[in-house]
Amino acid sequence: MRSILRQKIRAYTLTEILVVLVIIGILVLLALPNLMPLITKAKTTEAKLQLEHLAKLQQGFFFEHSTYSLDLAEIGFVQDQLSSDGKDGKANYKIEIVSANNSAFVAKATAVADFDGDGVYNVWQIDQDKTLKEIMQD
């Protein structure tokens, strides 16, 4: 039994593992600036989908009431908890209706986080014709 315990097992040392982790960390830091536009683009999908959903709800409300609504709850839109509000928040965009009357509405989605750290927050907008456009690029 003692001979089994005294046998050397071929393995990596702690130093070798740490060197590999440092190299991986350096490679990630070099690649991160190139990946930021992709991350921002992926997050903007949330704004587009939420605004398109809001436009459909506004259209349904318009068919029933012949006017567009300024109230998100009135049309049945539920805003997910924002990621800036706490640990359970998932939404990266705050949705709001900017204007609404008998013939038109404008809604916008404003990012609650600066995705690439440049101080500019992404803003998207949609209207009654479902014209989706980026107002402020992050």
C-alpha atoms as a PDB file:
ATOM      1  CA  MET A   1       0.000   0.000   0.000  1.00  0.00           C
ATOM      2  CA  ARG A   2       2.835   2.395   0.828  1.00  0.00           C
ATOM      3  CA  SER A   3       4.405   1.937  -2.579  1.00  0.00           C
ATOM      4  CA  ILE A   4       1.251   3.278  -4.222  1.00  0.00           C
ATOM      5  CA  LEU A   5       1.353   6.424  -2.089  1.00  0.00           C
ATOM      6  CA  ARG A   6       5.025   7.050  -2.858  1.00  0.00           C
ATOM      7  CA  GLN A   7       4.608   6.866  -6.627  1.00  0.00           C
ATOM      8  CA  LYS A   8       4.826  10.152  -8.427  1.00  0.00           C
ATOM      9  CA  ILE A   9       1.789  11.113 -10.418  1.00  0.00           C
ATOM     10  CA  ARG A  10       2.395  13.071 -13.581  1.00  0.00           C
ATOM     11  CA  ALA A  11       0.472  16.343 -13.307  1.00  0.00           C
ATOM     12  CA  TYR A  12       0.764  20.065 -13.912  1.00  0.00           C
ATOM     13  CA  THR A  13       2.191  22.271 -11.184  1.00  0.00           C
ATOM     14  CA  LEU A  14       0.332  25.205  -9.744  1.00  0.00           C
ATOM     15  CA  THR A  15       2.822  27.562 -11.406  1.00  0.00           C
ATOM     16  CA  GLU A  16       2.148  26.081 -14.844  1.00  0.00           C
ATOM     17  CA  ILE A  17      -1.610  26.437 -14.389  1.00  0.00           C
ATOM     18  CA  LEU A  18      -1.249  30.060 -13.250  1.00  0.00           C
ATOM     19  CA  VAL A  19       0.917  30.909 -16.265  1.00  0.00           C
ATOM     20  CA  VAL A  20      -1.729  29.477 -18.596  1.00  0.00           C
ATOM     21  CA  LEU A  21      -4.474  31.500 -16.830  1.00  0.00           C
ATOM     22  CA  VAL A  22      -2.434  34.714 -17.152  1.00  0.00           C
ATOM     23  CA  ILE A  23      -1.923  34.078 -20.875  1.00  0.00           C
ATOM     24  CA  ILE A  24      -5.662  33.462 -21.366  1.00  0.00           C
ATOM     25  CA  GLY A  25      -6.430  36.660 -19.439  1.00  0.00           C
ATOM     26  CA  ILE A  26      -4.104  38.701 -21.651  1.00  0.00           C
ATOM     27  CA  LEU A  27      -5.684  37.242 -24.799  1.00  0.00           C
ATOM     28  CA  VAL A  28      -9.174  38.118 -23.527  1.00  0.00           C
ATOM     29  CA  LEU A  29      -8.094  41.702 -22.804  1.00  0.00           C
ATOM     30  CA  LEU A  30      -6.696  41.997 -26.319  1.00  0.00           C
ATOM     31  CA  ALA A  31      -9.866  40.616 -27.920  1.00  0.00           C
ATOM     32  CA  LEU A  32     -12.432  42.499 -25.780  1.00  0.00           C
ATOM     33  CA  PRO A  33     -12.321  45.853 -27.645  1.00  0.00           C
ATOM     34  CA  ASN A  34     -13.019  44.020 -30.909  1.00  0.00           C
ATOM     35  CA  LEU A  35     -15.987  42.198 -29.362  1.00  0.00           C
ATOM     36  CA  MET A  36     -17.711  45.255 -27.826  1.00  0.00           C
ATOM     37  CA  PRO A  37     -19.588  46.222 -31.030  1.00  0.00           C
ATOM     38  CA  LEU A  38     -20.939  42.677 -31.266  1.00  0.00           C
ATOM     39  CA  ILE A  39     -22.101  42.766 -27.654  1.00  0.00           C
ATOM     40  CA  THR A  40     -23.824  46.117 -28.209  1.00  0.00           C
ATOM     41  CA  LYS A  41     -25.509  44.851 -31.371  1.00  0.00           C
ATOM     42  CA  ALA A  42     -26.820  41.793 -29.535  1.00  0.00           C
ATOM     43  CA  LYS A  43     -28.263  43.923 -26.744  1.00  0.00           C
ATOM     44  CA  THR A  44     -29.977  46.303 -29.181  1.00  0.00           C
ATOM     45  CA  THR A  45     -32.082  43.363 -30.349  1.00  0.00           C
ATOM     46  CA  GLU A  46     -33.949  43.677 -27.047  1.00  0.00           C
ATOM     47  CA  ALA A  47     -34.892  47.293 -27.812  1.00  0.00           C
ATOM     48  CA  LYS A  48     -36.088  46.452 -31.306  1.00  0.00           C
ATOM     49  CA  LEU A  49     -38.238  43.525 -30.168  1.00  0.00           C
ATOM     50  CA  GLN A  50     -39.775  45.465 -27.282  1.00  0.00           C
ATOM     51  CA  LEU A  51     -40.621  48.465 -29.486  1.00  0.00           C
ATOM     52  CA  GLU A  52     -42.144  46.256 -32.181  1.00  0.00           C
ATOM     53  CA  HIS A  53     -44.265  44.578 -29.500  1.00  0.00           C
ATOM     54  CA  LEU A  54     -45.345  47.978 -28.185  1.00  0.00           C
ATOM     55  CA  ALA A  55     -46.293  49.078 -31.722  1.00  0.00           C
ATOM     56  CA  LYS A  56     -48.547  46.018 -32.097  1.00  0.00           C
ATOM     57  CA  LEU A  57     -50.198  46.750 -28.764  1.00  0.00           C
ATOM     58  CA  GLN A  58     -50.723  50.392 -29.796  1.00  0.00           C
ATOM     59  CA  GLN A  59     -52.242  49.258 -33.086  1.00  0.00           C
ATOM     60  CA  GLY A  60     -54.695  46.993 -31.259  1.00  0.00           C
ATOM     61  CA  PHE A  61     -55.593  49.808 -28.865  1.00  0.00           C
ATOM     62  CA  PHE A  62     -56.104  52.154 -31.825  1.00  0.00           C
ATOM     63  CA  PHE A  63     -58.516  49.712 -33.509  1.00  0.00           C
ATOM     64  CA  GLU A  64     -60.651  49.626 -30.354  1.00  0.00           C
ATOM     65  CA  HIS A  65     -60.496  53.281 -29.274  1.00  0.00           C
ATOM     66  CA  SER A  66     -59.566  55.265 -32.438  1.00  0.00           C
ATOM     67  CA  THR A  67     -56.671  56.867 -30.610  1.00  0.00           C
ATOM     68  CA  TYR A  68     -53.217  55.930 -29.393  1.00  0.00           C
ATOM     69  CA  SER A  69     -52.438  55.763 -25.686  1.00  0.00           C
ATOM     70  CA  LEU A  70     -49.744  57.458 -23.596  1.00  0.00           C
ATOM     71  CA  ASP A  71     -50.041  54.816 -20.882  1.00  0.00           C
ATOM     72  CA  LEU A  72     -48.053  51.577 -21.184  1.00  0.00           C
ATOM     73  CA  ALA A  73     -50.325  49.761 -18.720  1.00  0.00           C
ATOM     74  CA  GLU A  74     -53.454  50.830 -20.604  1.00  0.00           C
ATOM     75  CA  ILE A  75     -52.289  49.080 -23.785  1.00  0.00           C
ATOM     76  CA  GLY A  76     -51.080  46.046 -21.836  1.00  0.00           C
ATOM     77  CA  PHE A  77     -47.320  46.542 -22.096  1.00  0.00           C
ATOM     78  CA  VAL A  78     -45.366  45.214 -19.126  1.00  0.00           C
ATOM     79  CA  GLN A  79     -41.836  46.535 -18.642  1.00  0.00           C
ATOM     80  CA  ASP A  80     -39.396  43.910 -17.375  1.00  0.00           C
ATOM     81  CA  GLN A  81     -37.395  44.890 -14.319  1.00  0.00           C
ATOM     82  CA  LEU A  82     -34.415  46.941 -15.433  1.00  0.00           C
ATOM     83  CA  SER A  83     -30.919  45.575 -14.964  1.00  0.00           C
ATOM     84  CA  SER A  84     -29.990  48.831 -13.208  1.00  0.00           C
ATOM     85  CA  ASP A  85     -32.714  48.328 -10.544  1.00  0.00           C
ATOM     86  CA  GLY A  86     -31.235  45.309  -8.836  1.00  0.00           C
ATOM     87  CA  LYS A  87     -29.944  41.791  -9.063  1.00  0.00           C
ATOM     88  CA  ASP A  88     -33.134  40.345 -10.599  1.00  0.00           C
ATOM     89  CA  GLY A  89     -33.321  42.896 -13.409  1.00  0.00           C
ATOM     90  CA  LYS A  90     -33.050  41.555 -16.944  1.00  0.00           C
ATOM     91  CA  ALA A  91     -34.069  44.455 -19.190  1.00  0.00           C
ATOM     92  CA  ASN A  92     -31.338  46.679 -20.632  1.00  0.00           C
ATOM     93  CA  TYR A  93     -33.767  49.256 -22.062  1.00  0.00           C
ATOM     94  CA  LYS A  94     -36.399  51.491 -20.485  1.00  0.00           C
ATOM     95  CA  ILE A  95     -39.455  51.697 -22.740  1.00  0.00           C
ATOM     96  CA  GLU A  96     -41.622  54.819 -22.781  1.00  0.00           C
ATOM     97  CA  ILE A  97     -44.229  56.448 -24.973  1.00  0.00           C
ATOM     98  CA  VAL A  98     -43.044  59.943 -25.901  1.00  0.00           C
ATOM     99  CA  SER A  99     -46.221  61.184 -27.572  1.00  0.00           C
ATOM    100  CA  ALA A 100     -49.613  59.868 -28.604  1.00  0.00           C
ATOM    101  CA  ASN A 101     -52.774  61.360 -30.101  1.00  0.00           C
ATOM    102  CA  ASN A 102     -55.615  60.396 -32.468  1.00  0.00           C
ATOM    103  CA  SER A 103     -53.351  59.912 -35.465  1.00  0.00           C
ATOM    104  CA  ALA A 104     -49.827  59.084 -34.302  1.00  0.00           C
ATOM    105  CA  PHE A 105     -47.568  57.882 -31.524  1.00  0.00           C
ATOM    106  CA  VAL A 106     -43.852  57.827 -30.850  1.00  0.00           C
ATOM    107  CA  ALA A 107     -42.197  55.464 -28.383  1.00  0.00           C
ATOM    108  CA  LYS A 108     -38.574  55.099 -27.451  1.00  0.00           C
ATOM    109  CA  ALA A 109     -36.270  52.628 -25.766  1.00  0.00           C
ATOM    110  CA  THR A 110     -33.358  54.097 -23.818  1.00  0.00           C
ATOM    111  CA  ALA A 111     -30.487  51.934 -22.602  1.00  0.00           C
ATOM    112  CA  VAL A 112     -30.009  51.906 -18.836  1.00  0.00           C
ATOM    113  CA  ALA A 113     -26.340  50.930 -19.197  1.00  0.00           C
ATOM    114  CA  ASP A 114     -23.481  52.253 -21.276  1.00  0.00           C
ATOM    115  CA  PHE A 115     -22.551  49.080 -23.166  1.00  0.00           C
ATOM    116  CA  ASP A 116     -19.154  50.175 -24.459  1.00  0.00           C
ATOM    117  CA  GLY A 117     -18.214  52.649 -21.710  1.00  0.00           C
ATOM    118  CA  ASP A 118     -18.027  55.756 -23.910  1.00  0.00           C
ATOM    119  CA  GLY A 119     -20.651  57.766 -21.950  1.00  0.00           C
ATOM    120  CA  VAL A 120     -23.302  57.522 -24.695  1.00  0.00           C
ATOM    121  CA  TYR A 121     -26.514  55.580 -24.072  1.00  0.00           C
ATOM    122  CA  ASN A 122     -28.227  53.785 -26.949  1.00  0.00           C
ATOM    123  CA  VAL A 123     -31.725  55.071 -27.904  1.00  0.00           C
ATOM    124  CA  TRP A 124     -34.196  53.544 -30.369  1.00  0.00           C
ATOM    125  CA  GLN A 125     -37.532  54.957 -31.545  1.00  0.00           C
ATOM    126  CA  ILE A 126     -40.656  53.637 -33.279  1.00  0.00           C
ATOM    127  CA  ASP A 127     -43.795  55.313 -34.606  1.00  0.00           C
ATOM    128  CA  GLN A 128     -47.316  54.346 -35.709  1.00  0.00           C
ATOM    129  CA  ASP A 129     -45.992  53.211 -39.115  1.00  0.00           C
ATOM    130  CA  LYS A 130     -43.628  50.813 -37.309  1.00  0.00           C
ATOM    131  CA  THR A 131     -40.661  52.839 -38.528  1.00  0.00           C
ATOM    132  CA  LEU A 132     -37.851  51.732 -36.268  1.00  0.00           C
ATOM    133  CA  LYS A 133     -34.739  53.902 -36.115  1.00  0.00           C
ATOM    134  CA  GLU A 134     -31.728  54.341 -33.909  1.00  0.00           C
ATOM    135  CA  ILE A 135     -31.691  57.868 -32.486  1.00  0.00           C
ATOM    136  CA  MET A 136     -28.468  57.631 -30.460  1.00  0.00           C
ATOM    137  CA  GLN A 137     -25.832  55.060 -31.295  1.00  0.00           C
ATOM    138  CA  ASP A 138     -23.722  53.569 -28.508  1.00  0.00           C
END
